[in-house]
Protein backbone atom coordinates (compact mmCIF):
# COMPACT_ATOMS: atom_id res chain seq x y z
CA MET A 1 182.09 -78.54 65.61
CA LEU A 2 178.36 -78.67 66.25
CA ALA A 3 177.58 -80.12 62.81
CA GLY A 4 179.46 -83.34 63.71
CA HIS A 5 176.78 -84.18 66.32
CA ASP A 6 173.40 -85.78 65.73
CA GLY A 7 170.70 -83.24 65.24
CA PHE A 8 172.96 -80.46 64.20
CA GLU A 9 173.96 -81.48 60.64
CA ASP A 10 172.00 -78.82 58.91
CA MET A 11 172.34 -76.03 61.52
CA VAL A 12 173.58 -72.61 60.40
CA VAL A 13 175.44 -70.34 62.88
CA THR A 14 174.74 -66.76 62.45
CA ALA A 15 176.88 -65.18 65.28
CA VAL A 16 179.21 -66.02 68.09
CA THR A 17 179.82 -63.87 71.13
CA ALA A 18 182.55 -64.79 73.66
CA VAL A 19 182.43 -63.49 77.28
CA PRO A 20 185.51 -64.05 79.48
CA LEU A 21 184.74 -65.78 82.76
CA HIS A 22 186.65 -66.08 85.99
CA SER A 23 186.95 -69.47 87.66
CA GLU A 24 185.95 -69.24 91.32
CA GLY A 25 188.66 -70.32 93.65
CA ALA A 26 191.22 -70.70 90.79
CA GLY A 27 193.30 -67.59 91.37
CA ASN A 28 195.70 -68.36 88.65
CA ASP A 29 196.18 -68.11 84.89
CA TYR A 30 193.54 -70.80 84.42
CA SER A 31 190.92 -68.20 85.17
CA ARG A 32 191.98 -66.15 82.11
CA HIS A 33 191.36 -69.04 79.78
CA VAL A 34 187.63 -69.75 80.46
CA ALA A 35 184.90 -68.09 78.29
CA ARG A 36 181.20 -68.46 77.76
CA TYR A 37 180.31 -68.59 73.98
CA LEU A 38 176.80 -67.50 73.02
CA VAL A 39 176.09 -69.18 69.69
CA SER A 40 173.22 -67.73 67.61
CA MET A 41 171.68 -70.13 65.10
CA ALA A 42 169.30 -69.69 62.26
CA ASN A 43 165.61 -70.30 63.09
CA THR A 44 166.32 -70.09 66.93
CA SER A 45 165.06 -67.35 69.09
CA ASP A 46 167.87 -67.41 71.74
CA PRO A 47 171.59 -68.04 71.49
CA VAL A 48 172.88 -71.34 72.94
CA PRO A 49 175.62 -71.05 75.63
CA PHE A 50 178.71 -73.11 75.75
CA ILE A 51 181.80 -73.04 77.99
CA GLY A 52 185.21 -73.20 76.33
CA LYS A 53 188.39 -73.43 78.19
CA LYS A 54 192.04 -74.19 78.06
CA THR A 55 192.82 -76.70 80.84
CA SER A 56 195.02 -79.48 81.95
CA ILE A 57 195.73 -82.49 79.73
CA ALA A 58 194.07 -84.79 82.28
CA GLU A 59 190.81 -82.81 82.24
CA ALA A 60 190.73 -82.80 78.40
CA LEU A 61 191.30 -86.60 78.29
CA PHE A 62 188.67 -87.10 81.07
CA TYR A 63 186.10 -85.45 78.88
CA ARG A 64 187.27 -87.33 75.89
CA ASP A 65 187.46 -90.84 77.51
CA LEU A 66 185.34 -90.94 80.72
CA ALA A 67 182.73 -88.18 80.95
CA ALA A 68 180.30 -89.83 78.65
CA THR A 69 180.04 -92.73 81.23
CA LEU A 70 178.90 -90.19 83.82
CA PRO A 71 175.96 -88.42 82.13
CA GLU A 72 174.30 -87.51 85.37
CA ILE A 73 177.31 -85.83 86.76
CA ALA A 74 179.69 -84.45 84.03
CA PRO A 75 178.57 -81.63 81.78
CA ARG A 76 178.14 -82.74 78.11
CA CYS A 77 181.41 -82.28 76.22
CA TRP A 78 181.23 -81.16 72.56
CA TYR A 79 184.93 -80.99 71.92
CA ALA A 80 187.99 -82.21 73.74
CA ASN A 81 191.61 -82.23 72.43
CA VAL A 82 195.17 -81.98 73.45
CA VAL A 83 197.39 -79.63 71.48
CA ASP A 84 201.03 -78.89 72.36
CA GLU A 85 200.83 -80.19 75.84
CA GLU A 86 197.74 -78.21 76.60
CA GLY A 87 194.07 -79.40 76.97
CA TRP A 88 191.09 -77.73 75.34
CA VAL A 89 187.39 -78.47 75.88
CA ILE A 90 184.05 -77.08 74.95
CA LEU A 91 181.15 -78.02 77.30
CA ASP A 92 177.49 -77.36 77.81
CA ASP A 93 176.95 -74.26 79.99
CA VAL A 94 175.47 -75.40 83.28
CA PRO A 95 173.70 -72.69 85.40
CA ASN A 96 174.41 -72.65 89.07
CA HIS A 97 171.06 -71.60 90.65
CA VAL A 98 171.88 -72.93 94.17
CA THR A 99 175.25 -71.42 95.25
CA GLY A 100 177.28 -72.97 97.95
CA GLY A 101 175.98 -70.73 100.79
CA ARG A 102 172.32 -71.83 100.08
CA TRP A 103 172.57 -75.62 100.01
CA SER A 104 169.84 -77.40 101.93
CA PRO A 105 170.19 -80.88 103.48
CA VAL A 106 168.42 -82.25 100.38
CA ASP A 107 171.13 -80.69 98.16
CA VAL A 108 173.80 -82.21 100.24
CA ASP A 109 172.13 -85.65 100.01
CA ASN A 110 171.94 -85.19 96.20
CA VAL A 111 175.61 -84.30 95.92
CA ILE A 112 176.72 -87.23 98.12
CA HIS A 113 174.60 -89.60 95.88
CA ASP A 114 176.55 -88.19 92.86
CA MET A 115 179.86 -88.75 94.57
CA VAL A 116 178.85 -92.33 95.16
CA ILE A 117 177.76 -92.74 91.59
CA PHE A 118 181.18 -91.74 90.06
CA HIS A 119 183.21 -93.53 92.73
CA ALA A 120 181.22 -96.74 92.32
CA ALA A 121 181.44 -96.60 88.61
CA TYR A 122 185.23 -97.32 88.73
CA TRP A 123 185.43 -99.11 92.07
CA ASP A 124 188.33 -101.48 92.53
CA GLN A 125 189.26 -101.99 88.86
CA PRO A 126 192.92 -103.12 88.85
CA ASP A 127 193.34 -102.40 85.17
CA LEU A 128 191.91 -98.84 85.19
CA GLY A 129 195.34 -97.39 84.96
CA ASP A 130 196.29 -99.65 82.13
CA HIS A 131 193.19 -98.62 80.08
CA PHE A 132 193.65 -94.89 80.85
CA THR A 133 197.40 -94.48 81.07
CA TRP A 134 197.09 -90.65 81.29
CA LEU A 135 195.41 -90.99 84.78
CA PRO A 136 197.96 -90.22 87.39
CA HIS A 137 198.00 -92.24 90.75
CA PHE A 138 197.31 -90.03 93.66
CA ILE A 139 198.98 -92.50 96.02
CA GLY A 140 199.78 -96.13 95.91
CA ARG A 141 200.42 -98.46 92.96
CA SER A 142 202.28 -97.47 89.85
CA GLN A 143 202.88 -93.98 91.09
CA LYS A 144 205.21 -91.58 89.53
CA THR A 145 208.51 -91.18 91.39
CA TYR A 146 210.59 -87.97 91.64
CA THR A 147 214.32 -87.55 92.11
CA TRP A 148 215.74 -84.52 93.77
CA GLU A 149 217.11 -83.45 90.47
CA GLN A 150 213.65 -83.62 88.91
CA LEU A 151 212.06 -81.65 91.72
CA ARG A 152 214.79 -79.07 91.59
CA ARG A 153 214.25 -78.64 87.92
CA GLU A 154 210.36 -78.68 87.85
CA HIS A 155 209.77 -76.76 91.14
CA THR A 156 212.77 -74.53 91.52
CA VAL A 157 210.77 -72.02 93.66
CA TYR A 158 210.64 -74.36 96.57
CA PHE A 159 214.42 -74.79 96.60
CA GLU A 160 215.12 -71.02 96.16
CA GLU A 161 212.49 -69.65 98.44
CA GLY A 162 211.31 -72.69 100.54
CA PRO A 163 213.05 -75.33 102.78
CA ALA A 164 213.10 -78.39 100.56
CA ALA A 165 215.29 -80.01 103.21
CA LEU A 166 212.23 -80.64 105.34
CA ILE A 167 211.41 -83.49 102.93
CA SER A 168 213.55 -86.45 103.72
CA ASP A 169 214.99 -88.96 101.19
CA HIS A 170 212.90 -91.61 102.93
CA ALA A 171 209.63 -89.59 102.33
CA LEU A 172 210.56 -88.90 98.76
CA GLN A 173 210.79 -92.58 97.93
CA HIS A 174 207.08 -92.98 98.95
CA LEU A 175 205.44 -89.67 97.88
CA GLY A 176 205.44 -90.23 94.14
CA TYR A 177 202.78 -87.88 92.54
CA MET A 178 202.39 -86.04 95.88
CA ALA A 179 206.03 -84.88 96.12
CA PRO A 180 205.42 -81.30 94.69
CA ARG A 181 202.49 -80.79 97.18
CA PHE A 182 204.67 -81.87 100.05
CA LEU A 183 207.22 -79.34 98.97
CA ALA A 184 204.68 -76.69 98.99
CA ALA A 185 203.48 -77.84 102.51
CA ALA A 186 207.09 -77.73 103.82
CA ASN A 187 207.30 -74.13 102.49
CA GLY A 188 204.25 -73.16 104.49
CA LEU A 189 205.41 -74.93 107.57
CA ALA A 190 208.64 -73.04 107.51
CA VAL A 191 206.82 -69.78 107.21
CA MET A 192 204.53 -70.57 110.16
CA ARG A 193 207.51 -71.60 112.35
CA ALA A 194 209.20 -68.28 111.42
CA LEU A 195 206.07 -66.49 112.67
CA GLY A 196 205.85 -68.42 115.84
CA GLY A 197 202.67 -70.21 114.75
CA TRP A 198 199.27 -68.56 114.67
CA PRO A 199 197.95 -67.56 118.07
CA GLY A 200 194.76 -69.40 118.87
CA VAL A 201 194.95 -71.48 115.73
CA ILE A 202 198.27 -73.28 115.24
CA GLY A 203 200.80 -73.95 118.00
CA GLU A 204 203.97 -75.86 118.33
CA THR A 205 202.08 -79.10 118.68
CA HIS A 206 200.50 -78.68 115.27
CA LEU A 207 203.77 -77.66 113.61
CA ALA A 208 205.71 -80.58 115.12
CA ALA A 209 203.02 -82.99 113.81
CA ALA A 210 203.25 -81.51 110.32
CA ALA A 211 207.07 -81.69 110.36
CA ASP A 212 206.87 -85.38 111.47
CA LEU A 213 204.47 -86.28 108.57
CA LEU A 214 206.71 -84.41 106.04
CA ASP A 215 209.70 -86.36 107.34
CA ASP A 216 207.90 -89.75 107.51
CA PRO A 217 204.62 -89.84 105.62
CA LEU A 218 204.15 -93.74 105.74
CA PRO A 219 201.86 -93.78 108.79
CA MET A 220 199.54 -91.53 106.83
CA LEU A 221 199.96 -93.06 103.42
CA GLU A 222 200.01 -96.75 104.37
CA PRO A 223 196.33 -96.91 105.55
CA LEU A 224 195.28 -95.19 102.36
CA GLY A 225 197.30 -97.60 100.22
CA ARG A 226 195.30 -100.54 101.52
CA LEU A 227 192.01 -99.20 100.18
CA PRO A 228 190.45 -100.14 96.79
CA LEU A 229 191.18 -97.62 94.06
CA THR A 230 188.70 -95.56 92.08
CA VAL A 231 188.63 -92.33 90.03
CA LEU A 232 189.05 -89.18 92.16
CA HIS A 233 187.88 -85.68 91.17
CA GLY A 234 190.68 -84.28 93.34
CA ASP A 235 189.01 -81.08 94.67
CA LEU A 236 185.45 -81.61 95.76
CA ASN A 237 184.59 -78.17 97.05
CA LYS A 238 181.29 -76.38 96.57
CA SER A 239 182.45 -74.07 93.87
CA HIS A 240 182.94 -77.10 91.55
CA TRP A 241 179.30 -78.21 91.78
CA ARG A 242 176.45 -76.69 89.71
CA LEU A 243 173.03 -77.19 91.15
CA THR A 244 170.15 -76.22 88.88
CA LEU A 245 166.49 -75.36 89.36
CA PHE A 246 165.67 -78.73 87.69
CA GLN A 247 167.26 -80.78 90.56
CA GLU A 248 170.33 -81.55 88.37
CA GLU A 249 173.90 -81.62 89.78
CA ARG A 250 176.90 -81.30 87.62
CA LEU A 251 180.55 -81.57 88.77
CA ILE A 252 182.97 -79.39 86.92
CA ASP A 253 186.78 -78.66 86.99
CA TRP A 254 188.35 -82.12 86.67
CA ARG A 255 191.88 -80.72 86.37
CA ASN A 256 193.11 -82.82 89.37
CA ILE A 257 191.50 -86.16 88.36
CA ALA A 258 193.56 -89.08 89.50
CA ILE A 259 193.41 -92.72 90.59
CA GLY A 260 193.17 -93.12 94.35
CA PRO A 261 191.15 -94.09 97.42
CA ALA A 262 187.69 -92.57 97.45
CA VAL A 263 188.18 -91.45 101.08
CA CYS A 264 190.43 -88.72 99.84
CA ASP A 265 187.54 -87.14 97.84
CA LEU A 266 185.18 -87.61 100.79
CA ILE A 267 187.41 -85.76 103.17
CA SER A 268 188.15 -83.04 100.56
CA PHE A 269 184.45 -82.43 100.37
CA GLN A 270 183.81 -82.46 104.01
CA GLU A 271 186.85 -80.36 105.07
CA GLN A 272 185.82 -77.61 102.59
CA PHE A 273 182.07 -77.85 103.13
CA ASP A 274 181.73 -74.62 105.13
CA LEU A 275 183.76 -72.57 102.62
CA LEU A 276 182.76 -70.38 99.88
CA PHE A 277 185.36 -69.22 97.32
CA THR A 278 186.42 -65.87 95.94
CA ARG A 279 187.19 -64.97 92.34
CA ASP A 280 190.40 -63.14 92.92
CA GLY A 281 192.73 -65.77 94.40
CA LEU A 282 192.32 -64.54 98.01
CA PRO A 283 191.86 -67.23 100.78
CA PRO A 284 188.54 -69.00 100.97
CA VAL A 285 185.63 -67.12 102.53
CA ARG A 286 183.67 -68.94 105.20
CA GLY A 287 179.93 -69.28 104.86
CA ASP A 288 177.55 -67.80 107.37
CA GLY A 289 178.24 -70.57 109.93
CA SER A 290 174.81 -72.15 109.60
CA SER A 291 175.99 -75.34 108.00
CA ALA A 292 173.34 -77.40 106.32
CA VAL A 293 174.74 -80.63 107.78
CA SER A 294 177.31 -81.77 110.28
CA GLU A 295 180.67 -83.38 109.58
CA GLU A 296 179.53 -86.72 110.97
CA THR A 297 176.32 -86.61 108.77
CA ILE A 298 178.38 -86.13 105.59
CA ILE A 299 180.61 -89.09 106.35
CA ASP A 300 177.87 -91.41 107.57
CA SER A 301 175.67 -90.63 104.61
CA TYR A 302 178.39 -91.31 102.10
CA LEU A 303 179.40 -94.65 103.83
CA LEU A 304 175.69 -95.86 103.94
CA ALA A 305 175.11 -94.90 100.32
CA MET A 306 178.28 -96.63 99.16
CA LYS A 307 177.25 -99.80 101.19
CA ASP A 308 173.87 -99.66 99.56
CA LYS A 309 175.45 -99.24 96.00
CA LEU A 310 178.22 -101.80 96.27
CA GLY A 311 177.02 -104.22 98.90
CA PRO A 312 179.72 -106.67 100.11
CA ARG A 313 182.24 -105.12 97.68
CA PHE A 314 182.46 -102.07 100.02
CA ASN A 315 184.14 -102.26 103.39
CA ALA A 316 182.83 -99.34 105.44
CA ARG A 317 184.85 -100.24 108.44
CA GLN A 318 188.17 -100.20 106.46
CA MET A 319 187.32 -96.75 104.97
CA ARG A 320 186.30 -95.40 108.36
CA GLN A 321 189.61 -96.47 109.83
CA ALA A 322 191.43 -94.64 107.04
CA LEU A 323 189.62 -91.32 107.74
CA PRO A 324 192.39 -89.92 110.05
CA ALA A 325 195.07 -90.61 107.40
CA ALA A 326 192.98 -88.91 104.69
CA ARG A 327 192.35 -85.94 106.95
CA CYS A 328 195.91 -85.45 107.77
CA LEU A 329 196.86 -85.72 104.09
CA GLN A 330 194.13 -83.21 103.05
CA ILE A 331 195.06 -80.55 105.64
CA LEU A 332 198.79 -80.96 105.23
CA THR A 333 198.68 -80.54 101.44
CA THR A 334 195.89 -78.00 101.32
CA SER A 335 196.14 -75.61 104.23
CA PHE A 336 199.84 -75.50 104.78
CA PRO A 337 200.82 -74.47 101.25
CA HIS A 338 198.40 -71.42 101.56
CA PHE A 339 200.39 -70.01 104.48
CA ALA A 340 203.46 -69.31 102.40
CA THR A 341 201.43 -67.22 99.99
CA TRP A 342 199.22 -65.43 102.59
CA PHE A 343 202.16 -64.39 104.82
CA ASN A 344 204.77 -63.65 102.29
CA ARG A 345 204.80 -59.96 103.20
CA MET A 346 204.72 -60.39 106.98
CA PRO A 347 207.68 -58.36 108.34
CA ASP A 348 208.46 -60.55 111.50
CA LYS A 349 206.83 -62.74 114.09
CA TYR A 350 206.59 -59.95 116.64
CA THR A 351 204.34 -57.87 114.39
CA TRP A 352 202.32 -61.03 113.65
CA GLN A 353 201.87 -61.89 117.30
CA ARG A 354 200.84 -58.24 118.08
CA VAL A 355 198.34 -58.09 115.21
CA ASN A 356 196.65 -61.21 116.50
CA ARG A 357 196.07 -59.48 119.92
CA MET A 358 194.24 -56.49 118.18
CA THR A 359 190.46 -56.36 118.10
CA ASP A 360 188.47 -56.14 114.83
CA ALA A 361 187.94 -52.40 115.51
CA GLU A 362 191.71 -51.86 115.85
CA LEU A 363 192.27 -53.79 112.65
CA ALA A 364 189.72 -51.84 110.65
CA GLY A 365 191.08 -50.88 107.37
CA ARG A 366 194.23 -53.04 107.61
CA ALA A 367 194.99 -55.50 104.87
CA LEU A 368 195.14 -58.45 107.36
CA LEU A 369 191.66 -57.99 108.73
CA PRO A 370 190.01 -60.36 106.16
CA MET A 371 192.61 -63.06 106.69
CA LEU A 372 192.23 -62.96 110.42
CA GLY A 373 188.55 -63.50 109.94
CA TYR A 374 189.30 -67.11 109.02
CA ARG A 375 190.54 -67.94 112.57
CA PRO A 376 187.35 -69.69 113.72
CA TYR A 377 187.31 -71.86 110.62
CA LEU A 378 191.00 -72.74 110.82
CA ARG A 379 190.82 -73.31 114.56
CA ASP A 380 188.42 -76.10 113.83
CA VAL A 381 190.48 -77.43 110.90
CA PHE A 382 193.70 -77.77 113.05
CA ARG A 383 191.74 -79.20 115.95
CA ARG A 384 190.74 -81.95 113.62
CA PHE A 385 194.23 -82.23 112.25
CA ILE A 386 195.91 -82.86 115.60
CA GLN A 387 193.08 -85.32 116.59
CA ALA A 388 193.58 -87.25 113.23
CA TYR A 389 197.40 -87.21 113.67
CA ARG A 390 197.09 -88.79 117.09
CA MET A 391 194.89 -91.60 115.72
CA LEU A 392 197.46 -92.59 112.99
């Protein structure tokens, strides 16, 4: 593989060691298919590290077709291929010297600058989907459409264990690529309703708003559909950024890459900014509360940088008006699906309500204590959710 690249024609590999890695925040089979390969070569003192992983077809094709156009952001790819409906890539190993909990305002500015670079690189190109037919449409034009039969066949669990009936036929006609995510959100909504909400976090007002958007998503999707399209990363949380000691930033894990409005990536980054991620599939862990920047600073910095980069091609007012829609979509399709998993062993709503009235000392040693620690964070999330819903 290496011999096919300039400068490596005469190299001799003397040993290869593979070290399995866990993918932070993944919490699924993907984490068992990532490894660091230490390649020893003749006439070199230290082995050279690479990352190899089995991944989605979309990520493999991103590295094959698009990553080379973003050398300041994407890790160098040495090999990308699709075999039997699975993607495989081998990448440069990028050390992460500045973890999410230690970002400074300068680090945030640098990351926002990188977001602007890759969004601007593909900004408002009508033929983007024609050139890269493998890119799914997050929302909007040329999106994939599902029938109930397809959803039942591909996502049986939501029909056997979750209330698929919460998704209306009207909604299904407009969801396209998002339909499976809405099914997962409906499952989480049903669980929260069965528990009577989450005291101090989610009340009937929040549940009714979520049910309304599941039944009729157009007030949320229509403002987003009016925006110019670009390439989206799809999950811009801190665990997917690698900040090195050499002031480099690399963005990894492009499994959810899609065509869509940039505001969706912006809100994904902002909503998850105060979270760190665990390696074992548990819910996100909040940082120490001393956020490097405020929510408004992240959004304003991005809008100003995009305006500086694109000039009259960028309509900041139009994007700002779409922020409530993007926020509702992000929270609905990210937070609600978690609830069905987190609370799948909760016996009844009375136990849940009683647990929420207990102090941390009373909860010591109980399995639910870590989960209840997310209440301050989620309280802010759902405060923003209901405010955004009322602005649609």
